[in-house]
Amino acid sequence: MADNPANSSTSAPAKNSAGAGGNVRLLSGGNPQIAKADGDAPVQAYISAMPGWKSDVGRRIDDLIVRTVPGVRKAVRWNSPFYGVAGQGWFLSYHVFTRYVKVTFLNGSALDPLPPVESKDEDTRYYHIYEDGVIDEELVASWMRQASAIPGWKGFDTL
């Protein structure tokens, strides 16, 4: 499945719940409801549907990942964008909450330094981005490089 072009960040547009009219339902906390799909198009639909300042945060995260991890694969599952590397698994996801965007490092416990927020899952760590939009891009890019270079989460098999 690693050669599936639908997984590439440069793939053709994929179907998503935004449809032709672009209407996306916002779930609890303002998280966009985007149908399960692989590729860049559903991730961009998610980012476009993120409410207010959160959309800018989503764009900045996506741009940083694309610059930091060449050949990154993208998908939307469970109303969240996922980023992974073919043959390695998924390393990052994010989700909209009322007061912040939660960036999830799926293998975050292996990163140095550790992302600051613990999870109930011993492998996962979080980084929260609030309305002030402050992102330590150098640190987050370091986590992205580290996370993408080690085995990631294999929770769904499109890589």
N, C-alpha and C. Protein backbone atom coordinates (compact mmCIF):
# COMPACT_ATOMS: atom_id res chain seq x y z
N MET A 1 0.80 -1.20 0.00
CA MET A 1 0.00 0.00 0.00
C MET A 1 0.84 1.26 0.00
N ALA A 2 2.12 1.17 0.26
CA ALA A 2 2.96 2.35 0.33
C ALA A 2 3.02 3.10 -0.99
N ASP A 3 2.79 2.42 -2.11
CA ASP A 3 2.86 3.08 -3.40
C ASP A 3 1.55 3.69 -3.83
N ASN A 4 0.53 3.65 -3.02
CA ASN A 4 -0.78 4.20 -3.36
C ASN A 4 -0.68 5.71 -3.50
N PRO A 5 -0.88 6.27 -4.71
CA PRO A 5 -0.74 7.70 -4.90
C PRO A 5 -1.76 8.51 -4.11
N ALA A 6 -2.84 7.91 -3.68
CA ALA A 6 -3.84 8.64 -2.89
C ALA A 6 -3.27 9.10 -1.56
N ASN A 7 -2.19 8.46 -1.11
CA ASN A 7 -1.60 8.82 0.17
C ASN A 7 -0.66 10.01 0.07
N SER A 8 -0.23 10.35 -1.12
CA SER A 8 0.75 11.41 -1.30
C SER A 8 0.17 12.77 -1.02
N SER A 9 1.00 13.67 -0.52
CA SER A 9 0.54 15.03 -0.27
C SER A 9 0.32 15.79 -1.56
N THR A 10 0.71 15.21 -2.70
CA THR A 10 0.50 15.86 -3.98
C THR A 10 -0.56 15.15 -4.80
N SER A 11 -1.36 14.32 -4.15
CA SER A 11 -2.36 13.53 -4.87
C SER A 11 -3.52 14.40 -5.34
N ALA A 12 -4.31 13.84 -6.24
CA ALA A 12 -5.50 14.52 -6.75
C ALA A 12 -6.49 14.70 -5.62
N PRO A 13 -7.41 15.66 -5.75
CA PRO A 13 -8.39 15.90 -4.68
C PRO A 13 -9.17 14.65 -4.33
N ALA A 14 -9.39 14.47 -3.05
CA ALA A 14 -10.17 13.34 -2.55
C ALA A 14 -11.53 13.85 -2.11
N LYS A 15 -12.51 12.95 -2.09
CA LYS A 15 -13.85 13.32 -1.60
C LYS A 15 -13.76 13.63 -0.13
N ASN A 16 -14.53 14.63 0.29
CA ASN A 16 -14.64 14.92 1.71
C ASN A 16 -16.04 15.42 2.00
N SER A 17 -16.35 15.56 3.27
CA SER A 17 -17.71 15.92 3.64
C SER A 17 -18.04 17.38 3.36
N ALA A 18 -17.05 18.17 2.94
CA ALA A 18 -17.33 19.55 2.60
C ALA A 18 -18.18 19.63 1.34
N GLY A 19 -18.02 18.65 0.45
CA GLY A 19 -18.82 18.60 -0.77
C GLY A 19 -18.57 19.82 -1.64
N ALA A 20 -19.30 19.94 -2.71
CA ALA A 20 -19.12 21.03 -3.66
C ALA A 20 -19.45 22.37 -3.05
N GLY A 21 -20.39 22.40 -2.12
CA GLY A 21 -20.80 23.66 -1.51
C GLY A 21 -19.87 24.14 -0.41
N GLY A 22 -18.97 23.28 0.07
CA GLY A 22 -18.04 23.67 1.10
C GLY A 22 -18.63 23.74 2.49
N ASN A 23 -19.86 23.26 2.69
CA ASN A 23 -20.47 23.30 4.02
C ASN A 23 -19.94 22.16 4.87
N VAL A 24 -19.33 22.51 5.98
CA VAL A 24 -18.77 21.52 6.90
C VAL A 24 -19.39 21.74 8.26
N ARG A 25 -19.84 20.68 8.86
CA ARG A 25 -20.42 20.74 10.20
C ARG A 25 -19.29 20.83 11.21
N LEU A 26 -19.42 21.75 12.17
CA LEU A 26 -18.46 21.85 13.26
C LEU A 26 -18.98 21.07 14.45
N LEU A 27 -18.16 20.21 14.96
CA LEU A 27 -18.50 19.36 16.09
C LEU A 27 -18.15 20.08 17.39
N SER A 28 -18.27 19.39 18.48
CA SER A 28 -17.96 19.92 19.80
C SER A 28 -16.60 20.61 19.80
N GLY A 29 -16.53 21.80 20.36
CA GLY A 29 -15.28 22.55 20.43
C GLY A 29 -14.90 23.22 19.13
N GLY A 30 -15.72 23.07 18.08
CA GLY A 30 -15.43 23.68 16.79
C GLY A 30 -14.62 22.80 15.86
N ASN A 31 -14.47 21.51 16.19
CA ASN A 31 -13.70 20.62 15.33
C ASN A 31 -14.49 20.30 14.06
N PRO A 32 -13.88 20.49 12.86
CA PRO A 32 -14.59 20.21 11.61
C PRO A 32 -14.87 18.72 11.42
N GLN A 33 -16.04 18.42 10.89
CA GLN A 33 -16.38 17.04 10.55
C GLN A 33 -16.04 16.83 9.08
N ILE A 34 -14.98 16.09 8.84
CA ILE A 34 -14.49 15.80 7.49
C ILE A 34 -14.47 14.29 7.33
N ALA A 35 -15.01 13.81 6.23
CA ALA A 35 -15.08 12.37 5.99
C ALA A 35 -13.69 11.75 5.89
N LYS A 36 -13.60 10.51 6.28
CA LYS A 36 -12.37 9.72 6.19
C LYS A 36 -11.89 9.72 4.74
N ALA A 37 -10.63 10.12 4.52
CA ALA A 37 -10.06 10.12 3.18
C ALA A 37 -8.55 10.27 3.27
N ASP A 38 -7.86 9.87 2.21
CA ASP A 38 -6.40 9.97 2.13
C ASP A 38 -5.99 11.10 1.21
N GLY A 39 -4.83 11.70 1.48
CA GLY A 39 -4.27 12.71 0.60
C GLY A 39 -4.37 14.11 1.16
N ASP A 40 -3.86 15.06 0.38
CA ASP A 40 -3.81 16.45 0.81
C ASP A 40 -5.18 17.12 0.80
N ALA A 41 -6.04 16.80 -0.17
CA ALA A 41 -7.32 17.51 -0.31
C ALA A 41 -8.19 17.45 0.94
N PRO A 42 -8.39 16.31 1.57
CA PRO A 42 -9.21 16.31 2.79
C PRO A 42 -8.55 17.05 3.95
N VAL A 43 -7.22 17.02 4.01
CA VAL A 43 -6.52 17.77 5.06
C VAL A 43 -6.72 19.27 4.83
N GLN A 44 -6.63 19.71 3.58
CA GLN A 44 -6.85 21.13 3.29
C GLN A 44 -8.30 21.53 3.56
N ALA A 45 -9.24 20.62 3.29
CA ALA A 45 -10.65 20.91 3.62
C ALA A 45 -10.82 21.07 5.12
N TYR A 46 -10.16 20.22 5.90
CA TYR A 46 -10.21 20.33 7.36
C TYR A 46 -9.66 21.68 7.81
N ILE A 47 -8.48 22.03 7.30
CA ILE A 47 -7.83 23.28 7.69
C ILE A 47 -8.72 24.48 7.34
N SER A 48 -9.29 24.47 6.14
CA SER A 48 -10.16 25.57 5.71
C SER A 48 -11.39 25.70 6.59
N ALA A 49 -11.86 24.58 7.13
CA ALA A 49 -13.07 24.58 7.95
C ALA A 49 -12.80 24.86 9.43
N MET A 50 -11.52 24.89 9.82
CA MET A 50 -11.20 25.20 11.22
C MET A 50 -11.68 26.62 11.51
N PRO A 51 -12.39 26.84 12.61
CA PRO A 51 -12.97 28.16 12.87
C PRO A 51 -11.92 29.21 13.28
N GLY A 52 -12.11 30.44 12.79
CA GLY A 52 -11.35 31.60 13.22
C GLY A 52 -9.85 31.43 13.17
N TRP A 53 -9.18 31.83 14.23
CA TRP A 53 -7.72 31.81 14.34
C TRP A 53 -7.15 30.41 14.21
N LYS A 54 -7.95 29.39 14.48
CA LYS A 54 -7.47 28.00 14.44
C LYS A 54 -7.10 27.57 13.02
N SER A 55 -7.78 28.14 12.02
CA SER A 55 -7.46 27.82 10.63
C SER A 55 -6.03 28.25 10.28
N ASP A 56 -5.62 29.42 10.76
CA ASP A 56 -4.25 29.88 10.55
C ASP A 56 -3.26 28.94 11.23
N VAL A 57 -3.59 28.50 12.44
CA VAL A 57 -2.73 27.55 13.15
C VAL A 57 -2.61 26.26 12.34
N GLY A 58 -3.73 25.75 11.83
CA GLY A 58 -3.71 24.53 11.01
C GLY A 58 -2.83 24.68 9.79
N ARG A 59 -2.94 25.83 9.11
CA ARG A 59 -2.10 26.08 7.92
C ARG A 59 -0.62 26.11 8.30
N ARG A 60 -0.33 26.75 9.42
CA ARG A 60 1.07 26.85 9.85
C ARG A 60 1.63 25.47 10.22
N ILE A 61 0.84 24.65 10.89
CA ILE A 61 1.29 23.30 11.23
C ILE A 61 1.52 22.49 9.95
N ASP A 62 0.55 22.53 9.04
CA ASP A 62 0.66 21.78 7.79
C ASP A 62 1.88 22.23 7.00
N ASP A 63 2.08 23.53 6.86
CA ASP A 63 3.25 24.06 6.13
C ASP A 63 4.55 23.61 6.78
N LEU A 64 4.61 23.66 8.10
CA LEU A 64 5.82 23.26 8.81
C LEU A 64 6.11 21.77 8.60
N ILE A 65 5.09 20.94 8.63
CA ILE A 65 5.28 19.50 8.40
C ILE A 65 5.79 19.26 6.98
N VAL A 66 5.16 19.89 6.00
CA VAL A 66 5.56 19.69 4.60
C VAL A 66 7.01 20.14 4.38
N ARG A 67 7.41 21.26 5.00
CA ARG A 67 8.80 21.74 4.87
C ARG A 67 9.79 20.83 5.60
N THR A 68 9.35 20.23 6.70
CA THR A 68 10.25 19.49 7.58
C THR A 68 10.38 18.02 7.21
N VAL A 69 9.32 17.43 6.67
CA VAL A 69 9.29 15.99 6.40
C VAL A 69 8.99 15.77 4.91
N PRO A 70 10.04 15.69 4.08
CA PRO A 70 9.82 15.47 2.64
C PRO A 70 9.04 14.18 2.39
N GLY A 71 8.09 14.25 1.47
CA GLY A 71 7.31 13.07 1.11
C GLY A 71 6.27 12.67 2.14
N VAL A 72 5.93 13.56 3.08
CA VAL A 72 4.95 13.23 4.11
C VAL A 72 3.64 12.78 3.47
N ARG A 73 2.99 11.81 4.08
CA ARG A 73 1.68 11.34 3.65
C ARG A 73 0.64 11.95 4.56
N LYS A 74 -0.56 12.16 4.00
CA LYS A 74 -1.63 12.81 4.77
C LYS A 74 -2.92 12.01 4.65
N ALA A 75 -3.73 12.12 5.68
CA ALA A 75 -5.06 11.49 5.69
C ALA A 75 -5.91 12.19 6.74
N VAL A 76 -7.22 12.02 6.63
CA VAL A 76 -8.14 12.45 7.68
C VAL A 76 -8.83 11.20 8.20
N ARG A 77 -8.76 11.02 9.51
CA ARG A 77 -9.46 9.94 10.21
C ARG A 77 -10.02 10.52 11.49
N TRP A 78 -11.19 10.07 11.88
CA TRP A 78 -11.80 10.49 13.14
C TRP A 78 -11.84 12.03 13.25
N ASN A 79 -12.13 12.69 12.12
CA ASN A 79 -12.24 14.16 12.07
C ASN A 79 -10.96 14.86 12.51
N SER A 80 -9.81 14.30 12.17
CA SER A 80 -8.52 14.90 12.46
C SER A 80 -7.53 14.57 11.34
N PRO A 81 -6.69 15.54 10.97
CA PRO A 81 -5.63 15.25 10.00
C PRO A 81 -4.54 14.39 10.64
N PHE A 82 -4.01 13.45 9.87
CA PHE A 82 -2.90 12.61 10.29
C PHE A 82 -1.78 12.76 9.28
N TYR A 83 -0.55 12.67 9.77
CA TYR A 83 0.64 12.79 8.93
C TYR A 83 1.54 11.59 9.21
N GLY A 84 2.07 11.00 8.13
CA GLY A 84 2.90 9.82 8.31
C GLY A 84 3.95 9.69 7.23
N VAL A 85 4.76 8.66 7.38
CA VAL A 85 5.82 8.34 6.44
C VAL A 85 5.62 6.90 5.99
N ALA A 86 5.66 6.69 4.68
CA ALA A 86 5.50 5.34 4.13
C ALA A 86 6.50 4.39 4.78
N GLY A 87 6.01 3.25 5.21
CA GLY A 87 6.85 2.25 5.84
C GLY A 87 7.16 2.50 7.31
N GLN A 88 6.83 3.67 7.82
CA GLN A 88 7.12 4.03 9.21
C GLN A 88 5.86 4.09 10.07
N GLY A 89 4.76 4.57 9.50
CA GLY A 89 3.53 4.76 10.26
C GLY A 89 3.22 6.23 10.43
N TRP A 90 2.19 6.51 11.20
CA TRP A 90 1.69 7.87 11.44
C TRP A 90 2.39 8.45 12.64
N PHE A 91 2.86 9.70 12.54
CA PHE A 91 3.62 10.29 13.64
C PHE A 91 2.94 11.49 14.28
N LEU A 92 1.95 12.13 13.61
CA LEU A 92 1.38 13.35 14.14
C LEU A 92 -0.06 13.49 13.70
N SER A 93 -0.86 14.10 14.56
CA SER A 93 -2.23 14.46 14.26
C SER A 93 -2.55 15.74 15.03
N TYR A 94 -3.65 16.39 14.68
CA TYR A 94 -4.11 17.51 15.50
C TYR A 94 -5.62 17.59 15.47
N HIS A 95 -6.16 18.30 16.45
CA HIS A 95 -7.60 18.33 16.69
C HIS A 95 -7.97 19.67 17.32
N VAL A 96 -9.10 20.22 16.91
CA VAL A 96 -9.56 21.51 17.41
C VAL A 96 -10.36 21.33 18.70
N PHE A 97 -10.01 22.12 19.69
CA PHE A 97 -10.78 22.24 20.92
C PHE A 97 -11.20 23.69 21.07
N THR A 98 -12.07 23.98 22.00
CA THR A 98 -12.62 25.33 22.15
C THR A 98 -11.53 26.38 22.31
N ARG A 99 -10.55 26.14 23.18
CA ARG A 99 -9.56 27.17 23.49
C ARG A 99 -8.18 26.92 22.89
N TYR A 100 -7.96 25.79 22.23
CA TYR A 100 -6.64 25.50 21.68
C TYR A 100 -6.72 24.43 20.59
N VAL A 101 -5.61 24.29 19.88
CA VAL A 101 -5.43 23.20 18.93
C VAL A 101 -4.44 22.24 19.57
N LYS A 102 -4.86 20.98 19.68
CA LYS A 102 -4.02 19.95 20.31
C LYS A 102 -3.24 19.23 19.21
N VAL A 103 -1.91 19.38 19.24
CA VAL A 103 -1.03 18.66 18.34
C VAL A 103 -0.60 17.39 19.06
N THR A 104 -0.85 16.25 18.42
CA THR A 104 -0.57 14.95 19.02
C THR A 104 0.63 14.32 18.36
N PHE A 105 1.66 14.06 19.13
CA PHE A 105 2.81 13.29 18.65
C PHE A 105 2.57 11.86 19.09
N LEU A 106 2.22 11.01 18.14
CA LEU A 106 1.79 9.65 18.45
C LEU A 106 2.90 8.81 19.07
N ASN A 107 4.15 9.16 18.79
CA ASN A 107 5.29 8.48 19.41
C ASN A 107 6.09 9.49 20.24
N GLY A 108 5.38 10.43 20.84
CA GLY A 108 5.99 11.56 21.54
C GLY A 108 6.87 11.22 22.72
N SER A 109 6.66 10.07 23.35
CA SER A 109 7.49 9.72 24.50
C SER A 109 8.92 9.38 24.09
N ALA A 110 9.16 9.21 22.79
CA ALA A 110 10.51 8.92 22.30
C ALA A 110 11.24 10.19 21.86
N LEU A 111 10.61 11.36 22.00
CA LEU A 111 11.20 12.60 21.50
C LEU A 111 12.01 13.30 22.60
N ASP A 112 13.01 14.06 22.16
CA ASP A 112 13.87 14.78 23.09
C ASP A 112 14.02 16.21 22.64
N PRO A 113 13.61 17.18 23.47
CA PRO A 113 12.91 17.02 24.74
C PRO A 113 11.48 16.54 24.51
N LEU A 114 10.86 16.06 25.57
CA LEU A 114 9.48 15.58 25.47
C LEU A 114 8.53 16.75 25.19
N PRO A 115 7.56 16.55 24.30
CA PRO A 115 6.47 17.53 24.21
C PRO A 115 5.84 17.68 25.59
N PRO A 116 5.36 18.87 25.95
CA PRO A 116 5.05 19.19 27.34
C PRO A 116 3.84 18.53 27.98
N VAL A 117 2.87 18.08 27.21
CA VAL A 117 1.63 17.60 27.82
C VAL A 117 1.56 16.08 27.74
N GLU A 118 1.36 15.47 28.91
CA GLU A 118 1.25 14.01 29.00
C GLU A 118 -0.07 13.51 28.45
N SER A 119 -0.11 12.21 28.17
CA SER A 119 -1.32 11.53 27.71
C SER A 119 -1.55 10.31 28.58
N LYS A 120 -2.77 9.79 28.54
CA LYS A 120 -3.05 8.52 29.20
C LYS A 120 -2.30 7.38 28.51
N ASP A 121 -2.05 7.56 27.20
CA ASP A 121 -1.27 6.59 26.42
C ASP A 121 0.21 6.89 26.65
N GLU A 122 0.96 5.92 27.13
CA GLU A 122 2.36 6.16 27.49
C GLU A 122 3.23 6.56 26.30
N ASP A 123 2.83 6.25 25.07
CA ASP A 123 3.62 6.60 23.89
C ASP A 123 3.34 8.01 23.38
N THR A 124 2.21 8.57 23.73
CA THR A 124 1.73 9.82 23.15
C THR A 124 2.05 11.02 24.04
N ARG A 125 2.40 12.14 23.37
CA ARG A 125 2.59 13.42 24.05
C ARG A 125 1.92 14.50 23.21
N TYR A 126 1.55 15.61 23.86
CA TYR A 126 0.82 16.69 23.19
C TYR A 126 1.55 18.02 23.30
N TYR A 127 1.20 18.89 22.34
CA TYR A 127 1.64 20.28 22.34
C TYR A 127 0.40 21.10 22.03
N HIS A 128 0.03 22.03 22.91
CA HIS A 128 -1.17 22.83 22.72
C HIS A 128 -0.81 24.20 22.15
N ILE A 129 -1.59 24.66 21.18
CA ILE A 129 -1.39 25.98 20.59
C ILE A 129 -2.65 26.80 20.87
N TYR A 130 -2.46 27.92 21.54
CA TYR A 130 -3.57 28.77 21.96
C TYR A 130 -3.77 29.94 20.99
N GLU A 131 -4.77 30.76 21.27
CA GLU A 131 -5.16 31.83 20.36
C GLU A 131 -4.04 32.83 20.09
N ASP A 132 -3.11 32.98 20.99
CA ASP A 132 -2.00 33.91 20.73
C ASP A 132 -1.14 33.43 19.57
N GLY A 133 -1.32 32.16 19.16
CA GLY A 133 -0.65 31.62 17.98
C GLY A 133 0.83 31.36 18.13
N VAL A 134 1.34 31.44 19.36
CA VAL A 134 2.76 31.23 19.55
C VAL A 134 3.10 29.75 19.31
N ILE A 135 3.99 29.54 18.34
CA ILE A 135 4.48 28.20 18.04
C ILE A 135 6.00 28.29 18.01
N ASP A 136 6.66 27.51 18.82
CA ASP A 136 8.12 27.44 18.77
C ASP A 136 8.46 26.55 17.57
N GLU A 137 8.55 27.18 16.38
CA GLU A 137 8.71 26.40 15.15
C GLU A 137 9.98 25.57 15.13
N GLU A 138 11.05 26.08 15.68
CA GLU A 138 12.30 25.32 15.71
C GLU A 138 12.14 24.05 16.54
N LEU A 139 11.54 24.17 17.71
CA LEU A 139 11.32 23.01 18.58
C LEU A 139 10.33 22.03 17.97
N VAL A 140 9.21 22.56 17.47
CA VAL A 140 8.19 21.68 16.88
C VAL A 140 8.74 20.97 15.64
N ALA A 141 9.52 21.67 14.82
CA ALA A 141 10.14 21.04 13.65
C ALA A 141 11.11 19.94 14.08
N SER A 142 11.83 20.16 15.19
CA SER A 142 12.72 19.14 15.71
C SER A 142 11.93 17.89 16.11
N TRP A 143 10.79 18.10 16.78
CA TRP A 143 9.95 16.95 17.15
C TRP A 143 9.44 16.24 15.90
N MET A 144 9.04 17.01 14.89
CA MET A 144 8.54 16.42 13.65
C MET A 144 9.61 15.57 12.97
N ARG A 145 10.84 16.11 12.89
CA ARG A 145 11.94 15.34 12.28
C ARG A 145 12.18 14.05 13.05
N GLN A 146 12.26 14.17 14.38
CA GLN A 146 12.50 12.98 15.20
C GLN A 146 11.37 11.97 15.05
N ALA A 147 10.13 12.44 15.15
CA ALA A 147 8.97 11.54 15.12
C ALA A 147 8.83 10.84 13.79
N SER A 148 9.16 11.54 12.71
CA SER A 148 9.02 10.95 11.38
C SER A 148 10.12 9.94 11.06
N ALA A 149 11.21 9.96 11.83
CA ALA A 149 12.35 9.08 11.58
C ALA A 149 12.28 7.77 12.36
N ILE A 150 11.32 7.64 13.25
CA ILE A 150 11.19 6.42 14.05
C ILE A 150 9.84 5.76 13.75
N PRO A 151 9.72 4.48 14.09
CA PRO A 151 8.43 3.83 13.82
C PRO A 151 7.27 4.56 14.48
N GLY A 152 6.23 4.78 13.70
CA GLY A 152 5.05 5.50 14.18
C GLY A 152 3.90 4.55 14.46
N TRP A 153 2.75 5.16 14.62
CA TRP A 153 1.51 4.43 14.92
C TRP A 153 0.98 3.80 13.65
N LYS A 154 0.60 2.55 13.73
CA LYS A 154 0.10 1.81 12.55
C LYS A 154 -1.39 1.55 12.70
N GLY A 155 -2.12 2.48 13.27
CA GLY A 155 -3.54 2.32 13.58
C GLY A 155 -4.46 2.13 12.41
N PHE A 156 -4.09 2.61 11.24
CA PHE A 156 -4.82 2.29 10.01
C PHE A 156 -3.79 2.13 8.92
N ASP A 157 -4.05 1.28 7.96
CA ASP A 157 -3.00 0.75 7.09
C ASP A 157 -2.89 1.40 5.71
N THR A 158 -2.98 2.72 5.61
CA THR A 158 -2.87 3.32 4.30
C THR A 158 -1.45 3.75 3.96
N LEU A 159 -0.47 3.45 4.80
CA LEU A 159 0.91 3.80 4.49
C LEU A 159 1.59 2.60 3.88
